[in-house]
Amino acid sequence: MLALLCLPVLAPICSVVLLSFFPDSAGIWPHLYSTVLGGYIFNTVALMAGVGIGVFCIGTGTAWLVTMYSFPGRAVFEWCLLLPLAVPAYLMAYCFTDLLEFSGPVQVFLRGIFGWSSARDYWFPDIRTLPGAVAVMSLVLYPYVYLMARLGFLELSSNLLESARTLGYGAAGAFYKVALPLARPAIAVGIALVCMETLNDYGTVDYFAVATLSRGVFDVWLNMGSLGGAAQLSSAMLVFAVLLVAVEKAARRRRRYDQDHHRFKPLTRQPLRGGRAFLATAACALPVAAGFVLPGALLAHYAIGYWDPSRAGRFLEFAANSILLSALAAVTAVLFALFIAYARRLCRNPTSNALAGLTAGGYALPGAMLAIGVLIPLSWIDNRVDAWAEANLGVDTGLLLSGTLAALVLAFVARFLAVASGAVEASLTRITPNMEHAARSMGYPPLKVLRKFHLPAIRGGLWAGLLLVFVDGMKELPMTLLLRPFNFETLSTFVYQYASDELLEECAAGGLLILAAGLIPVILLSRALTTGARGGRRVAREPVVVEYI
């Protein structure tokens, strides 16, 4: 059963891997090894490490503040901290470059204040560098970790923190010794997703001229004319993703993270006053301001200044296409993730773990290569169906799957299943296995156990997966460009066509619509996290022993 569930997702990934075994240019690897491969790997690892540290600090710190403390603006920051999810990384790169370049408003203001006349009179950091890419991507991607960390912190019992304080630990000690270890599965999932997103990113690193493996895939494919060589580099990126998942799983092997919900006591937020309240407010306001307010304000300024009423109808059509595609992909991906995670929970063996782990590999493959991987099996099916129909019925069926919305949804599911699976598994991990044992002893079949007991307990994780896939779908570009049906334009394809030519003003309204499309799901998710976590506490009541790290 698990193999059948994983087959539609693994088929595109396997197609890319098989293509890498039949390169069309046998001498491409020696050339890459002697020239740029080392730089690709170094920059990729450095970018992933920098972004991973950045999102951990921002996401975990802000999640702990809004969960554990009361301070001015906390209720607003609770959902505002998720807003940068709606900003595409490449669009953020364009906005920050426009703000911080030599002719941008920041440097113009500084030159006016200090009387500088040229770049030789002062030093200003160059945003289009590796550190600049780390900063931009950290601001865009930290909500993954914030979301998962907050989900983990909401499920903590205050009994555990009070026990830590009775042992002599202060607030910081309780965080490091109790809260952080128990929330580790959720936080690790968020960081792993961020690392795979960083590994996959092309628009930002290309614009900032950072030579990573993702940029190398496009260079080998388009500039060197080697699709097989690009598939080989993509397979190397897949190895990176598998290693990320394997290392994290091995690090928490034979450790338990479920809690004793029988003696659960809700968390009580501690009020902050004076300087501490100011610092907490500033710590939460800065990521929101830099990751959403600044690019949003710049896009709004351009949209108002360059507004063309004749484009309003087109924008609404593009927005409807984006919402439809993202919603279909989100629902499908969460359903796949739910059944795969539950089947893996029931069948605990190396084979099921390997199959479920491989489904996350699509998140690390470049979107363009994954689109090729989707076309290979779908074209094979279309050709076989067409040959059979013509031989037996005398009918030419044409392409039934390739070039349709179904192909695009399949590609989105293969790409973003890791996102949905991470959210679902992070919630399932915290449910005691004794629940299955008790329910099965009463004669409940597995699907009824899932419906009556697990679904209410993991409601927050399901909402998290839906939101993350939906917002990622709104921003997805390479697969949409390659697989979209004829006359099917989305906001992301429209924005990229203009922004890549540095015509940000012309596509600013479309960029604003992408940002606006994420507002309502973000607000709904923030409310669902709190109510979902409370619902989960009412369901899981079996006492267990918790082993701390």
Protein backbone atom coordinates (compact mmCIF):
# COMPACT_ATOMS: atom_id res chain seq x y z
CA MET A 1 0.00 0.00 0.00
CA LEU A 2 2.76 2.43 0.89
CA ALA A 3 4.53 1.68 -2.40
CA LEU A 4 1.36 2.52 -4.35
CA LEU A 5 0.96 5.78 -2.47
CA CYS A 6 4.57 6.77 -3.15
CA LEU A 7 4.58 5.71 -6.83
CA PRO A 8 3.04 8.90 -8.36
CA VAL A 9 5.52 11.04 -6.41
CA LEU A 10 8.58 8.86 -6.97
CA ALA A 11 8.01 8.44 -10.73
CA PRO A 12 9.21 11.97 -11.68
CA ILE A 13 12.17 11.71 -9.29
CA CYS A 14 13.17 8.31 -10.68
CA SER A 15 12.87 9.68 -14.22
CA VAL A 16 15.45 12.37 -13.47
CA VAL A 17 17.77 9.83 -11.82
CA LEU A 18 17.46 7.43 -14.77
CA LEU A 19 18.14 10.27 -17.20
CA SER A 20 21.36 11.00 -15.32
CA PHE A 21 22.62 7.48 -16.12
CA PHE A 22 22.41 8.19 -19.85
CA PRO A 23 24.16 11.54 -20.30
CA ASP A 24 24.33 12.98 -23.78
CA SER A 25 27.82 14.31 -23.12
CA ALA A 26 30.24 11.84 -21.54
CA GLY A 27 32.97 14.41 -20.98
CA ILE A 28 30.93 16.95 -19.04
CA TRP A 29 31.89 15.73 -15.53
CA PRO A 30 35.70 15.89 -16.00
CA HIS A 31 35.27 19.42 -17.32
CA LEU A 32 33.03 20.44 -14.40
CA TYR A 33 35.35 18.77 -11.88
CA SER A 34 38.38 20.64 -13.17
CA THR A 35 36.65 24.02 -13.38
CA VAL A 36 33.52 24.92 -11.40
CA LEU A 37 32.21 21.89 -9.50
CA GLY A 38 34.19 22.66 -6.34
CA GLY A 39 32.86 26.22 -6.31
CA TYR A 40 29.31 24.98 -6.85
CA ILE A 41 29.54 22.65 -3.85
CA PHE A 42 31.26 25.17 -1.57
CA ASN A 43 28.79 27.95 -2.32
CA THR A 44 25.84 25.59 -1.95
CA VAL A 45 27.00 24.31 1.45
CA ALA A 46 27.88 27.83 2.65
CA LEU A 47 24.50 29.18 1.52
CA MET A 48 22.61 26.34 3.18
CA ALA A 49 24.58 26.70 6.43
CA GLY A 50 24.16 30.47 6.55
CA VAL A 51 20.44 30.36 5.81
CA GLY A 52 19.94 27.46 8.24
CA ILE A 53 21.56 29.39 11.10
CA GLY A 54 19.66 32.54 10.19
CA VAL A 55 16.22 30.93 10.07
CA PHE A 56 16.87 28.99 13.28
CA CYS A 57 17.72 32.16 15.20
CA ILE A 58 14.87 34.23 13.79
CA GLY A 59 12.19 31.54 13.61
CA THR A 60 12.80 29.78 16.93
CA GLY A 61 13.44 33.00 18.86
CA THR A 62 10.28 34.76 17.67
CA ALA A 63 8.18 31.60 18.11
CA TRP A 64 9.31 31.33 21.74
CA LEU A 65 8.60 35.00 22.41
CA VAL A 66 5.03 35.03 21.04
CA THR A 67 4.22 31.68 22.70
CA MET A 68 5.63 32.29 26.18
CA TYR A 69 5.43 36.04 26.81
CA SER A 70 2.97 38.93 26.67
CA PHE A 71 4.27 42.22 25.30
CA PRO A 72 2.93 45.08 23.16
CA GLY A 73 1.89 43.81 19.72
CA ARG A 74 2.21 40.10 20.54
CA ALA A 75 -1.25 39.21 19.17
CA VAL A 76 -0.42 40.95 15.88
CA PHE A 77 3.06 39.47 15.55
CA GLU A 78 1.57 36.02 16.15
CA TRP A 79 0.35 35.98 12.55
CA CYS A 80 2.39 38.82 11.03
CA LEU A 81 5.59 36.80 11.46
CA LEU A 82 4.25 34.39 8.82
CA LEU A 83 3.72 37.09 6.19
CA PRO A 84 7.18 36.80 4.51
CA LEU A 85 6.08 33.33 3.35
CA ALA A 86 4.06 35.04 0.63
CA VAL A 87 7.08 36.85 -0.83
CA PRO A 88 8.95 34.98 -3.60
CA ALA A 89 12.68 34.93 -2.92
CA TYR A 90 13.55 36.31 -6.36
CA LEU A 91 11.06 39.16 -5.88
CA MET A 92 12.63 39.96 -2.51
CA ALA A 93 16.03 39.99 -4.20
CA TYR A 94 14.82 42.49 -6.81
CA CYS A 95 13.24 44.74 -4.17
CA PHE A 96 16.28 44.81 -1.90
CA THR A 97 18.62 45.40 -4.82
CA ASP A 98 16.42 48.27 -5.95
CA LEU A 99 16.51 49.72 -2.43
CA LEU A 100 20.22 49.22 -1.66
CA GLU A 101 22.01 49.66 -4.99
CA PHE A 102 24.08 52.79 -5.73
CA SER A 103 21.16 54.60 -7.34
CA GLY A 104 18.66 53.30 -4.77
CA PRO A 105 16.97 55.48 -2.15
CA VAL A 106 19.16 54.28 0.78
CA GLN A 107 22.51 55.25 -0.75
CA VAL A 108 21.05 58.40 -2.29
CA PHE A 109 19.84 59.43 1.18
CA LEU A 110 23.25 58.70 2.73
CA ARG A 111 25.09 60.68 0.07
CA GLY A 112 22.73 63.60 0.62
CA ILE A 113 23.26 63.53 4.40
CA PHE A 114 27.05 63.19 4.41
CA GLY A 115 27.86 65.03 1.18
CA TRP A 116 29.44 62.06 -0.61
CA SER A 117 29.66 62.38 -4.36
CA SER A 118 30.78 58.93 -5.57
CA ALA A 119 31.19 55.31 -4.44
CA ARG A 120 34.88 55.99 -3.75
CA ASP A 121 33.95 58.32 -0.90
CA TYR A 122 32.39 55.61 1.27
CA TRP A 123 31.91 51.90 1.71
CA PHE A 124 28.51 50.23 1.41
CA PRO A 125 27.92 46.45 1.50
CA ASP A 126 27.10 44.86 -1.84
CA ILE A 127 23.78 43.06 -1.62
CA ARG A 128 24.50 40.92 -4.71
CA THR A 129 26.91 38.58 -2.93
CA LEU A 130 26.76 35.29 -1.00
CA PRO A 131 26.13 37.05 2.35
CA GLY A 132 23.44 39.12 0.64
CA ALA A 133 21.76 35.97 -0.64
CA VAL A 134 21.94 34.48 2.88
CA ALA A 135 20.27 37.58 4.36
CA VAL A 136 17.53 37.78 1.72
CA MET A 137 16.69 34.09 1.82
CA SER A 138 16.71 34.00 5.63
CA LEU A 139 14.12 36.79 5.72
CA VAL A 140 11.92 34.92 3.23
CA LEU A 141 12.29 31.40 4.64
CA TYR A 142 12.38 31.85 8.45
CA PRO A 143 8.55 31.43 8.68
CA TYR A 144 9.03 27.71 7.98
CA VAL A 145 10.93 27.37 11.24
CA TYR A 146 8.72 29.85 13.08
CA LEU A 147 5.64 27.90 12.07
CA MET A 148 7.03 24.50 13.07
CA ALA A 149 8.64 25.79 16.27
CA ARG A 150 5.46 27.50 17.40
CA LEU A 151 3.49 24.35 16.68
CA GLY A 152 5.93 22.45 18.90
CA PHE A 153 5.91 25.04 21.68
CA LEU A 154 2.10 25.21 21.74
CA GLU A 155 1.98 21.50 22.57
CA LEU A 156 4.25 21.86 25.62
CA SER A 157 2.84 21.44 29.10
CA SER A 158 3.77 24.10 31.63
CA ASN A 159 4.38 21.28 34.11
CA LEU A 160 7.64 20.53 32.33
CA LEU A 161 8.83 24.13 32.51
CA GLU A 162 7.83 24.41 36.15
CA SER A 163 9.78 21.23 36.92
CA ALA A 164 12.84 22.74 35.27
CA ARG A 165 12.54 25.85 37.41
CA THR A 166 12.29 23.77 40.60
CA LEU A 167 15.60 22.20 39.59
CA GLY A 168 17.23 25.64 39.58
CA TYR A 169 16.96 26.55 35.90
CA GLY A 170 15.92 30.04 34.91
CA ALA A 171 13.87 31.00 31.87
CA ALA A 172 16.82 30.50 29.51
CA GLY A 173 17.74 27.16 31.09
CA ALA A 174 14.17 25.87 30.83
CA PHE A 175 14.17 26.86 27.15
CA TYR A 176 17.46 25.12 26.32
CA LYS A 177 17.01 22.05 28.53
CA VAL A 178 13.29 21.32 28.12
CA ALA A 179 11.39 23.33 25.49
CA LEU A 180 13.97 23.21 22.71
CA PRO A 181 14.64 19.45 22.95
CA LEU A 182 10.92 18.62 22.97
CA ALA A 183 10.23 20.91 20.00
CA ARG A 184 13.25 19.55 18.14
CA PRO A 185 11.34 17.32 15.66
CA ALA A 186 9.23 20.26 14.49
CA ILE A 187 12.19 22.68 14.36
CA ALA A 188 14.37 20.15 12.55
CA VAL A 189 11.65 19.62 9.94
CA GLY A 190 11.45 23.37 9.38
CA ILE A 191 15.22 23.75 9.00
CA ALA A 192 15.38 20.74 6.66
CA LEU A 193 12.67 22.30 4.48
CA VAL A 194 14.54 25.61 4.45
CA CYS A 195 17.79 23.87 3.46
CA MET A 196 16.07 22.05 0.60
CA GLU A 197 14.38 25.26 -0.52
CA THR A 198 17.78 26.98 -0.45
CA LEU A 199 19.31 24.09 -2.38
CA ASN A 200 16.62 24.42 -5.04
CA ASP A 201 16.51 28.20 -5.41
CA TYR A 202 17.54 29.56 -8.78
CA GLY A 203 16.07 33.04 -9.19
CA THR A 204 17.86 34.62 -6.21
CA VAL A 205 21.28 33.02 -6.71
CA ASP A 206 21.20 33.75 -10.42
CA TYR A 207 20.38 37.41 -9.86
CA PHE A 208 23.04 37.69 -7.15
CA ALA A 209 25.60 35.79 -9.27
CA VAL A 210 26.19 33.11 -6.62
CA ALA A 211 27.38 29.92 -8.34
CA THR A 212 25.47 27.11 -6.61
CA LEU A 213 24.50 23.64 -7.80
CA SER A 214 21.06 24.90 -8.77
CA ARG A 215 22.55 27.60 -10.96
CA GLY A 216 24.98 25.02 -12.34
CA VAL A 217 22.08 22.82 -13.47
CA PHE A 218 20.70 25.59 -15.66
CA ASP A 219 24.18 26.50 -16.89
CA VAL A 220 24.97 22.92 -17.92
CA TRP A 221 21.56 22.44 -19.49
CA LEU A 222 21.07 25.74 -21.33
CA ASN A 223 24.61 27.02 -21.95
CA MET A 224 26.46 23.70 -22.40
CA GLY A 225 23.54 21.94 -24.07
CA SER A 226 23.71 18.83 -21.89
CA LEU A 227 20.38 17.69 -20.46
CA GLY A 228 21.97 14.50 -19.13
CA GLY A 229 24.69 16.49 -17.36
CA ALA A 230 22.02 18.70 -15.80
CA ALA A 231 20.22 15.56 -14.63
CA GLN A 232 23.45 14.34 -13.06
CA LEU A 233 23.88 17.59 -11.13
CA SER A 234 20.23 17.36 -10.09
CA SER A 235 20.86 13.82 -8.81
CA ALA A 236 23.76 15.17 -6.78
CA MET A 237 21.37 17.70 -5.26
CA LEU A 238 19.00 14.85 -4.48
CA VAL A 239 21.81 13.16 -2.54
CA PHE A 240 22.18 16.35 -0.50
CA ALA A 241 18.48 16.23 0.36
CA VAL A 242 18.53 12.55 1.32
CA LEU A 243 21.58 13.15 3.52
CA LEU A 244 19.82 16.04 5.28
CA VAL A 245 16.85 13.85 6.13
CA ALA A 246 19.01 10.85 7.09
CA VAL A 247 21.27 12.85 9.40
CA GLU A 248 18.32 14.39 11.23
CA LYS A 249 16.57 11.00 11.60
CA ALA A 250 19.75 9.37 12.88
CA ALA A 251 20.33 12.16 15.39
CA ARG A 252 17.00 11.48 17.13
CA ARG A 253 16.89 7.72 16.73
CA ARG A 254 15.38 5.85 19.70
CA ARG A 255 14.29 9.09 21.35
CA ARG A 256 10.70 9.83 22.34
CA TYR A 257 9.07 13.23 22.00
CA ASP A 258 5.48 12.49 22.92
CA GLN A 259 4.32 13.88 26.26
CA ASP A 260 2.09 12.87 29.13
CA HIS A 261 -1.14 14.57 28.07
CA HIS A 262 -3.01 13.02 31.00
CA ARG A 263 -1.43 15.62 33.30
CA PHE A 264 -1.32 18.40 30.73
CA LYS A 265 -1.35 21.97 32.02
CA PRO A 266 -1.76 24.84 29.53
CA LEU A 267 1.06 27.31 29.12
CA THR A 268 0.72 30.64 30.87
CA ARG A 269 2.30 33.60 29.13
CA GLN A 270 4.55 35.72 31.32
CA PRO A 271 4.12 39.52 31.02
CA LEU A 272 7.13 41.60 29.97
CA ARG A 273 7.53 45.24 30.93
CA GLY A 274 9.91 48.09 30.35
CA GLY A 275 13.07 47.40 28.39
CA ARG A 276 12.36 43.68 28.02
CA ALA A 277 8.98 44.39 26.44
CA PHE A 278 10.60 46.87 24.05
CA LEU A 279 13.28 44.36 23.03
CA ALA A 280 10.70 41.61 22.48
CA THR A 281 8.58 43.91 20.33
CA ALA A 282 11.63 45.00 18.31
CA ALA A 283 12.82 41.40 17.85
CA CYS A 284 9.46 40.46 16.34
CA ALA A 285 8.98 43.68 14.36
CA LEU A 286 12.33 43.65 12.53
CA PRO A 287 11.79 40.39 10.55
CA VAL A 288 8.27 41.48 9.58
CA ALA A 289 9.43 44.93 8.51
CA ALA A 290 12.39 43.67 6.48
CA GLY A 291 10.70 40.54 5.11
CA PHE A 292 7.27 41.90 4.22
CA VAL A 293 6.62 45.58 4.93
CA LEU A 294 9.60 46.97 2.97
CA PRO A 295 9.11 44.92 -0.22
CA GLY A 296 5.34 45.36 0.08
CA ALA A 297 5.68 49.13 0.39
CA LEU A 298 8.04 49.29 -2.58
CA LEU A 299 5.69 47.21 -4.73
CA ALA A 300 2.72 49.34 -3.65
CA HIS A 301 4.65 52.51 -4.56
CA TYR A 302 5.42 51.16 -8.03
CA ALA A 303 1.94 49.72 -8.52
CA ILE A 304 0.29 53.06 -7.80
CA GLY A 305 2.74 55.02 -9.89
CA TYR A 306 2.54 52.70 -12.93
CA TRP A 307 -1.06 51.50 -12.63
CA ASP A 308 -2.79 50.71 -15.92
CA PRO A 309 -6.58 50.14 -15.53
CA SER A 310 -6.68 48.10 -18.73
CA ARG A 311 -4.68 45.33 -16.99
CA ALA A 312 -7.12 44.85 -14.09
CA GLY A 313 -9.04 42.06 -15.82
CA ARG A 314 -5.85 40.19 -16.67
CA PHE A 315 -4.58 40.43 -13.09
CA LEU A 316 -7.81 38.92 -11.76
CA GLU A 317 -7.59 36.08 -14.30
CA PHE A 318 -3.97 35.36 -13.37
CA ALA A 319 -4.87 35.47 -9.67
CA ALA A 320 -7.75 33.01 -10.17
CA ASN A 321 -5.44 30.62 -12.05
CA SER A 322 -2.81 30.82 -9.32
CA ILE A 323 -5.31 30.24 -6.51
CA LEU A 324 -6.94 27.29 -8.31
CA LEU A 325 -3.62 25.61 -9.04
CA SER A 326 -2.21 26.19 -5.56
CA ALA A 327 -5.38 25.01 -3.82
CA LEU A 328 -5.55 21.78 -5.84
CA ALA A 329 -1.87 21.09 -5.18
CA ALA A 330 -2.19 21.86 -1.45
CA VAL A 331 -5.15 19.55 -0.87
CA THR A 332 -3.63 16.74 -2.93
CA ALA A 333 -0.22 17.03 -1.28
CA VAL A 334 -1.67 17.01 2.25
CA LEU A 335 -3.78 13.93 1.48
CA PHE A 336 -0.73 12.11 0.12
CA ALA A 337 1.34 13.22 3.11
CA LEU A 338 -1.31 12.11 5.60
CA PHE A 339 -1.71 8.60 4.21
CA ILE A 340 2.02 8.11 3.61
CA ALA A 341 2.89 9.26 7.14
CA TYR A 342 0.20 7.08 8.70
CA ALA A 343 1.16 4.03 6.63
CA ARG A 344 4.76 4.58 7.66
CA ARG A 345 3.66 4.80 11.31
CA LEU A 346 1.82 1.47 11.02
CA CYS A 347 4.60 -0.30 9.08
CA ARG A 348 7.78 0.50 10.94
CA ASN A 349 10.49 -1.13 8.84
CA PRO A 350 13.51 0.07 6.81
CA THR A 351 11.70 -0.32 3.48
CA SER A 352 8.79 1.92 4.45
CA ASN A 353 11.17 4.48 5.96
CA ALA A 354 13.24 4.51 2.76
CA LEU A 355 10.20 4.89 0.49
CA ALA A 356 8.72 7.70 2.58
CA GLY A 357 12.10 9.41 2.83
CA LEU A 358 12.64 9.32 -0.93
CA THR A 359 9.37 11.16 -1.54
CA ALA A 360 10.99 14.22 0.04
CA GLY A 361 13.63 14.27 -2.67
CA GLY A 362 11.47 16.22 -5.10
CA TYR A 363 11.84 19.29 -2.91
CA ALA A 364 15.59 19.35 -3.58
CA LEU A 365 15.39 18.90 -7.36
CA PRO A 366 15.38 22.02 -9.52
CA GLY A 367 11.86 22.79 -10.64
CA ALA A 368 12.78 22.69 -14.33
CA MET A 369 14.35 19.23 -14.03
CA LEU A 370 11.40 17.95 -12.01
CA ALA A 371 9.11 19.20 -14.77
CA ILE A 372 11.10 17.11 -17.26
CA GLY A 373 10.79 14.19 -14.85
CA VAL A 374 7.00 14.59 -14.83
CA LEU A 375 6.79 14.77 -18.62
CA ILE A 376 8.71 11.52 -19.16
CA PRO A 377 6.21 9.11 -17.49
CA LEU A 378 3.15 11.11 -18.55
CA SER A 379 4.30 11.18 -22.18
CA TRP A 380 4.92 7.42 -22.01
CA ILE A 381 1.36 6.87 -20.73
CA ASP A 382 -0.11 9.23 -23.35
CA ASN A 383 1.74 7.46 -26.18
CA ARG A 384 0.64 4.01 -24.99
CA VAL A 385 -2.99 5.05 -24.61
CA ASP A 386 -2.96 6.76 -28.00
CA ALA A 387 -1.41 3.71 -29.70
CA TRP A 388 -3.98 1.37 -28.13
CA ALA A 389 -6.93 3.64 -28.97
CA GLU A 390 -5.81 4.06 -32.57
CA ALA A 391 -5.19 0.31 -33.03
CA ASN A 392 -8.44 -0.86 -31.40
CA LEU A 393 -10.86 2.03 -31.74
CA GLY A 394 -9.46 4.02 -34.65
CA VAL A 395 -9.38 7.15 -32.47
CA ASP A 396 -6.49 9.54 -32.00
CA THR A 397 -6.56 10.49 -28.31
CA GLY A 398 -3.62 12.90 -28.45
CA LEU A 399 -2.09 14.06 -25.17
CA LEU A 400 -4.46 13.28 -22.32
CA LEU A 401 -2.14 14.11 -19.43
CA SER A 402 0.87 16.03 -20.74
CA GLY A 403 0.28 19.75 -20.99
CA THR A 404 -2.80 19.67 -18.75
CA LEU A 405 -3.57 21.04 -15.31
CA ALA A 406 -3.31 17.49 -13.94
CA ALA A 407 0.34 17.29 -15.00
CA LEU A 408 1.05 20.60 -13.29
CA VAL A 409 -0.68 19.48 -10.07
CA LEU A 410 1.34 16.23 -10.11
CA ALA A 411 4.55 18.21 -10.48
CA PHE A 412 3.54 20.48 -7.58
CA VAL A 413 2.77 17.47 -5.39
CA ALA A 414 6.11 15.84 -6.23
CA ARG A 415 7.85 19.14 -5.49
CA PHE A 416 6.06 20.14 -2.27
CA LEU A 417 5.17 16.81 -0.69
CA ALA A 418 8.15 17.24 1.64
CA VAL A 419 6.57 20.44 2.97
CA ALA A 420 3.23 18.79 3.72
CA SER A 421 4.89 15.63 5.08
CA GLY A 422 7.07 17.66 7.41
CA ALA A 423 4.08 19.39 8.98
CA VAL A 424 2.03 16.19 9.27
CA GLU A 425 4.86 14.04 10.64
CA ALA A 426 5.85 16.68 13.17
CA SER A 427 2.35 16.43 14.65
CA LEU A 428 2.09 12.64 14.38
CA THR A 429 5.42 12.24 16.18
CA ARG A 430 3.96 13.80 19.31
CA ILE A 431 1.06 11.32 19.54
CA THR A 432 1.80 8.36 21.78
CA PRO A 433 1.85 4.94 20.02
CA ASN A 434 -0.28 3.65 22.88
CA MET A 435 -3.25 5.29 21.16
CA GLU A 436 -3.05 2.85 18.25
CA HIS A 437 -2.58 -0.06 20.61
CA ALA A 438 -5.64 0.86 22.68
CA ALA A 439 -7.83 1.54 19.64
CA ARG A 440 -6.79 -1.64 17.85
CA SER A 441 -7.46 -3.69 20.98
CA MET A 442 -11.02 -2.36 20.86
CA GLY A 443 -11.43 -3.57 17.28
CA TYR A 444 -11.02 -0.27 15.42
CA PRO A 445 -9.52 -0.65 11.91
CA PRO A 446 -6.56 1.62 11.04
CA LEU A 447 -8.57 4.08 8.91
CA LYS A 448 -11.14 4.54 11.68
CA VAL A 449 -8.34 5.18 14.18
CA LEU A 450 -6.95 7.81 11.83
CA ARG A 451 -10.33 9.48 11.36
CA LYS A 452 -11.59 9.44 14.95
CA PHE A 453 -8.40 9.92 16.95
CA HIS A 454 -5.46 11.17 14.89
CA LEU A 455 -7.11 13.74 12.62
CA PRO A 456 -8.38 15.90 15.52
CA ALA A 457 -4.97 15.65 17.19
CA ILE A 458 -2.96 16.74 14.14
CA ARG A 459 -5.33 19.42 12.90
CA GLY A 460 -2.72 22.12 13.40
CA GLY A 461 -0.17 20.17 11.37
CA LEU A 462 -2.67 19.63 8.54
CA TRP A 463 -3.44 23.34 8.39
CA ALA A 464 0.27 24.11 8.45
CA GLY A 465 0.88 21.78 5.51
CA LEU A 466 -2.03 23.24 3.54
CA LEU A 467 -0.82 26.80 4.03
CA LEU A 468 2.82 26.08 3.24
CA VAL A 469 2.02 24.19 0.03
CA PHE A 470 -0.55 26.80 -1.02
CA VAL A 471 1.81 29.72 -0.55
CA ASP A 472 4.72 27.85 -2.16
CA GLY A 473 2.45 27.05 -5.10
CA MET A 474 1.62 30.72 -5.52
CA LYS A 475 5.35 31.45 -5.86
CA GLU A 476 6.44 28.44 -7.93
CA LEU A 477 7.90 29.44 -11.29
CA PRO A 478 10.03 26.96 -13.34
CA MET A 479 7.53 24.09 -13.34
CA THR A 480 4.65 26.44 -14.14
CA LEU A 481 6.53 27.91 -17.09
CA LEU A 482 7.26 24.47 -18.56
CA LEU A 483 4.10 22.50 -17.78
CA ARG A 484 1.26 25.03 -17.83
CA PRO A 485 -1.53 24.46 -20.38
CA PHE A 486 -1.82 26.80 -23.33
CA ASN A 487 -3.20 30.24 -22.44
CA PHE A 488 -2.77 29.48 -18.73
CA GLU A 489 -0.86 32.33 -17.08
CA THR A 490 -0.27 32.68 -13.34
CA LEU A 491 0.84 35.60 -11.23
CA SER A 492 4.30 34.11 -10.75
CA THR A 493 4.95 33.67 -14.48
CA PHE A 494 3.67 37.18 -15.20
CA VAL A 495 5.80 38.78 -12.48
CA TYR A 496 8.95 36.90 -13.45
CA GLN A 497 8.73 37.83 -17.12
CA TYR A 498 8.92 41.50 -16.23
CA ALA A 499 11.09 41.34 -13.10
CA SER A 500 13.79 39.28 -14.85
CA ASP A 501 14.11 42.16 -17.34
CA GLU A 502 14.38 44.55 -14.36
CA LEU A 503 10.97 46.04 -15.12
CA LEU A 504 9.80 45.75 -11.53
CA GLU A 505 7.48 48.71 -11.91
CA GLU A 506 5.47 46.99 -14.65
CA CYS A 507 4.76 43.85 -12.60
CA ALA A 508 4.43 45.44 -9.15
CA ALA A 509 0.64 45.00 -9.09
CA GLY A 510 1.03 41.29 -9.80
CA GLY A 511 3.61 40.99 -7.03
CA LEU A 512 1.21 42.69 -4.62
CA LEU A 513 -1.50 40.18 -5.52
CA ILE A 514 0.88 37.31 -4.69
CA LEU A 515 1.53 38.89 -1.31
CA ALA A 516 -2.18 39.55 -0.73
CA ALA A 517 -3.12 35.96 -1.61
CA GLY A 518 -1.13 34.73 1.39
CA LEU A 519 -2.73 37.04 3.97
CA ILE A 520 -5.99 35.20 4.60
CA PRO A 521 -4.41 31.70 4.81
CA VAL A 522 -1.78 33.06 7.19
CA ILE A 523 -4.42 34.49 9.54
CA LEU A 524 -6.47 31.29 9.41
CA LEU A 525 -3.41 29.17 10.08
CA SER A 526 -2.37 31.24 13.08
CA ARG A 527 -5.80 30.69 14.66
CA ALA A 528 -5.85 27.01 13.66
CA LEU A 529 -2.48 26.40 15.30
CA THR A 530 -3.76 27.46 18.69
CA THR A 531 -7.11 25.65 18.48
CA GLY A 532 -5.53 22.62 16.79
CA ALA A 533 -2.93 22.23 19.50
CA ARG A 534 -5.62 22.44 22.16
CA GLY A 535 -7.70 19.86 20.32
CA GLY A 536 -4.70 17.54 20.16
CA ARG A 537 -4.21 17.76 23.93
CA ARG A 538 -7.75 16.59 24.55
CA VAL A 539 -7.27 13.48 22.42
CA ALA A 540 -3.93 12.03 23.46
CA ARG A 541 -4.19 10.92 27.08
CA GLU A 542 -1.96 7.89 27.46
CA PRO A 543 0.88 8.42 29.97
CA VAL A 544 4.34 7.89 28.50
CA VAL A 545 7.92 8.36 29.56
CA VAL A 546 9.69 11.30 27.95
CA GLU A 547 13.41 11.03 27.25
CA TYR A 548 15.17 14.36 26.97
CA ILE A 549 18.16 15.05 24.80
